[in-house]
Amino acid sequence: MLLQKTEKARLELSPGVRTLSLRERSLLLLADGKPLSDLQAMYNGIGAQIVENLMRQGYLTGPADLPPTPEPTTHTSTPSIERPAPGESLRSLAGARMYLFDTCERLFARRDPVLAQHFREALRAAKDRTSMLDVGEAMFEEVALAAGAERAASLRERLDQLLPTSPVAENFAATQPALLD
């Protein structure tokens, strides 16, 4: 079963709105078109409870509950927007940023609260892709020191899966956030 975000979820993910926990928000960011089993497996199985709560609260719904999507109409007078490839819609800088915040919490908050606070502040200060990736790389270097290069490599790989692959997708995501959230 594929889950979809509701309008309530899109409002929650809009700038300045923060009523859900970090885990709930990060799961919402990744929810559209993702299989239910993948979302339930997140956070070492706690994802199942989070998904259930989000569905009960009206943030997520199954495709059978959604009204059919109208077919796009083509207007010859308006320029067409180059849309990302189908798999690209799940990739976003916002999702990558949430992943880095979540990684910081999971790996550093208990073990080294001072370092965790440093990374949190650096991520908040990162205003573009490059600075965000620099903070991520610094986090992964700390992970490599503490848990090994293999663990750091797996975290980098997951981050790469969340990042938009083309500048067109990034520009589209920046100008049309509601369509990609």
Protein backbone atom coordinates (compact mmCIF):
# COMPACT_ATOMS: atom_id res chain seq x y z
CA MET A 1 0.00 0.00 0.00
CA LEU A 2 1.37 3.40 -0.97
CA LEU A 3 0.69 6.31 1.37
CA GLN A 4 0.05 9.90 0.38
CA LYS A 5 0.22 13.16 2.34
CA THR A 6 -3.00 15.02 3.00
CA GLU A 7 -3.47 18.78 2.87
CA LYS A 8 -3.08 18.78 6.66
CA ALA A 9 0.39 17.23 6.22
CA ARG A 10 1.38 19.80 3.61
CA LEU A 11 0.37 22.58 6.00
CA GLU A 12 2.41 20.98 8.80
CA LEU A 13 5.48 20.90 6.56
CA SER A 14 5.14 24.53 5.50
CA PRO A 15 7.64 27.04 6.90
CA GLY A 16 6.98 28.22 10.45
CA VAL A 17 4.66 25.35 11.42
CA ARG A 18 5.99 22.86 13.98
CA THR A 19 3.37 20.77 15.78
CA LEU A 20 4.83 17.30 15.16
CA SER A 21 8.03 15.74 16.45
CA LEU A 22 11.19 15.60 14.33
CA ARG A 23 10.62 11.91 13.56
CA GLU A 24 7.00 12.48 12.58
CA ARG A 25 7.99 15.38 10.32
CA SER A 26 10.83 13.45 8.68
CA LEU A 27 8.51 10.50 8.05
CA LEU A 28 5.97 12.89 6.51
CA LEU A 29 8.64 14.32 4.21
CA LEU A 30 9.34 10.85 2.83
CA ALA A 31 5.77 9.53 2.80
CA ASP A 32 4.38 10.34 -0.66
CA GLY A 33 4.41 7.25 -2.86
CA LYS A 34 6.51 5.21 -0.44
CA PRO A 35 5.30 1.69 0.45
CA LEU A 36 3.70 1.35 3.88
CA SER A 37 6.17 -1.39 4.83
CA ASP A 38 9.18 0.91 4.18
CA LEU A 39 7.76 3.63 6.41
CA GLN A 40 6.84 1.17 9.15
CA ALA A 41 10.41 -0.17 9.21
CA MET A 42 11.88 3.28 9.89
CA TYR A 43 13.40 4.10 13.28
CA ASN A 44 14.02 0.45 14.16
CA GLY A 45 10.34 -0.47 13.84
CA ILE A 46 8.90 2.54 15.69
CA GLY A 47 7.85 3.82 12.26
CA ALA A 48 4.78 1.54 12.39
CA GLN A 49 3.43 3.38 15.42
CA ILE A 50 4.28 6.77 13.92
CA VAL A 51 2.53 5.90 10.63
CA GLU A 52 -0.54 4.69 12.51
CA ASN A 53 -0.68 7.93 14.54
CA LEU A 54 -0.20 10.09 11.44
CA MET A 55 -2.97 8.25 9.60
CA ARG A 56 -5.31 8.47 12.60
CA GLN A 57 -4.60 12.22 12.93
CA GLY A 58 -5.28 12.77 9.21
CA TYR A 59 -1.75 13.52 7.98
CA LEU A 60 -1.44 10.40 5.79
CA THR A 61 -3.90 8.48 3.69
CA GLY A 62 -3.89 5.51 1.34
CA PRO A 63 -4.37 6.03 -2.41
CA ALA A 64 -7.90 4.59 -2.26
CA ASP A 65 -8.91 7.43 0.06
CA LEU A 66 -7.64 10.16 -2.25
CA PRO A 67 -9.72 11.75 -4.99
CA PRO A 68 -8.41 10.99 -8.48
CA THR A 69 -5.74 13.37 -9.68
CA PRO A 70 -6.98 15.48 -12.60
CA GLU A 71 -5.05 15.14 -15.83
CA PRO A 72 -2.83 18.15 -16.48
CA THR A 73 -3.97 20.41 -19.28
CA THR A 74 -1.50 21.80 -21.75
CA HIS A 75 -1.74 25.47 -22.62
CA THR A 76 0.13 26.61 -25.68
CA SER A 77 0.37 30.18 -24.39
CA THR A 78 2.18 29.37 -21.13
CA PRO A 79 5.71 28.01 -20.99
CA SER A 80 5.94 24.51 -19.63
CA ILE A 81 7.84 23.81 -16.42
CA GLU A 82 10.40 21.06 -16.74
CA ARG A 83 9.31 18.53 -14.14
CA PRO A 84 11.58 16.10 -12.33
CA ALA A 85 11.69 12.43 -13.29
CA PRO A 86 9.19 10.25 -11.35
CA GLY A 87 11.74 9.04 -8.80
CA GLU A 88 13.04 12.57 -8.43
CA SER A 89 9.88 13.81 -6.68
CA LEU A 90 10.89 12.01 -3.49
CA ARG A 91 14.23 13.83 -3.43
CA SER A 92 14.49 17.26 -1.86
CA LEU A 93 16.89 19.47 0.00
CA ALA A 94 14.34 19.68 2.80
CA GLY A 95 14.28 15.89 3.13
CA ALA A 96 18.08 15.75 3.10
CA ARG A 97 18.23 18.45 5.76
CA MET A 98 15.76 16.58 7.98
CA TYR A 99 17.85 13.44 7.52
CA LEU A 100 20.96 15.27 8.73
CA PHE A 101 19.12 16.65 11.77
CA ASP A 102 17.78 13.18 12.58
CA THR A 103 21.24 11.64 12.13
CA CYS A 104 22.68 14.23 14.49
CA GLU A 105 20.07 13.40 17.14
CA ARG A 106 20.45 9.63 16.83
CA LEU A 107 24.24 9.54 16.78
CA PHE A 108 25.44 12.45 18.87
CA ALA A 109 22.75 13.73 21.27
CA ARG A 110 23.45 11.18 24.02
CA ARG A 111 27.08 10.37 23.32
CA ASP A 112 28.35 13.94 22.90
CA PRO A 113 25.69 16.63 23.60
CA VAL A 114 28.15 19.48 22.96
CA LEU A 115 29.03 18.12 19.51
CA ALA A 116 25.34 17.49 18.78
CA GLN A 117 24.53 21.11 19.65
CA HIS A 118 27.38 22.29 17.42
CA PHE A 119 26.00 20.29 14.45
CA ARG A 120 22.43 21.47 15.13
CA GLU A 121 23.52 25.10 15.08
CA ALA A 122 25.62 24.55 11.95
CA LEU A 123 22.67 22.92 10.16
CA ARG A 124 20.36 25.78 11.16
CA ALA A 125 22.92 28.27 9.83
CA ALA A 126 23.37 26.37 6.54
CA LYS A 127 21.31 28.34 4.03
CA ASP A 128 22.24 26.53 0.82
CA ARG A 129 23.05 23.08 -0.51
CA THR A 130 26.83 23.50 -0.28
CA SER A 131 26.92 24.66 3.34
CA MET A 132 24.42 21.95 4.35
CA LEU A 133 26.56 19.27 2.68
CA ASP A 134 29.67 20.64 4.39
CA VAL A 135 28.00 20.17 7.78
CA GLY A 136 26.90 16.68 6.73
CA GLU A 137 30.44 15.80 5.72
CA ALA A 138 31.77 16.98 9.08
CA MET A 139 29.16 14.79 10.81
CA PHE A 140 30.15 11.79 8.70
CA GLU A 141 33.82 12.33 9.56
CA GLU A 142 32.89 12.17 13.26
CA VAL A 143 30.87 9.02 12.58
CA ALA A 144 33.87 7.47 10.82
CA LEU A 145 36.03 8.17 13.88
CA ALA A 146 33.49 6.75 16.33
CA ALA A 147 31.83 3.93 14.38
CA GLY A 148 34.05 3.28 11.38
CA ALA A 149 34.30 4.25 7.74
CA GLU A 150 31.70 1.69 6.66
CA ARG A 151 29.01 3.24 8.87
CA ALA A 152 29.89 6.72 7.62
CA ALA A 153 29.74 5.49 4.01
CA SER A 154 26.26 4.03 4.53
CA LEU A 155 25.04 7.35 5.95
CA ARG A 156 26.55 9.26 3.00
CA GLU A 157 24.86 6.85 0.59
CA ARG A 158 21.47 7.45 2.20
CA LEU A 159 21.99 11.21 2.04
CA ASP A 160 22.84 10.91 -1.67
CA GLN A 161 19.52 9.09 -2.17
CA LEU A 162 17.65 12.04 -0.65
CA LEU A 163 19.37 14.83 -2.56
CA PRO A 164 17.98 16.08 -5.88
CA THR A 165 20.17 14.80 -8.71
CA SER A 166 19.83 17.75 -11.03
CA PRO A 167 19.79 21.55 -10.71
CA VAL A 168 16.41 21.53 -12.50
CA ALA A 169 14.94 19.39 -9.74
CA GLU A 170 16.41 21.64 -7.05
CA ASN A 171 15.09 24.76 -8.74
CA PHE A 172 11.71 23.13 -9.19
CA ALA A 173 11.67 22.03 -5.54
CA ALA A 174 12.53 25.55 -4.41
CA THR A 175 9.78 27.16 -6.48
CA GLN A 176 7.10 24.50 -6.03
CA PRO A 177 7.51 23.07 -2.49
CA ALA A 178 3.88 22.02 -2.08
CA LEU A 179 4.11 19.71 -5.10
CA LEU A 180 7.16 17.86 -3.81
CA ASP A 181 6.33 17.67 -0.09
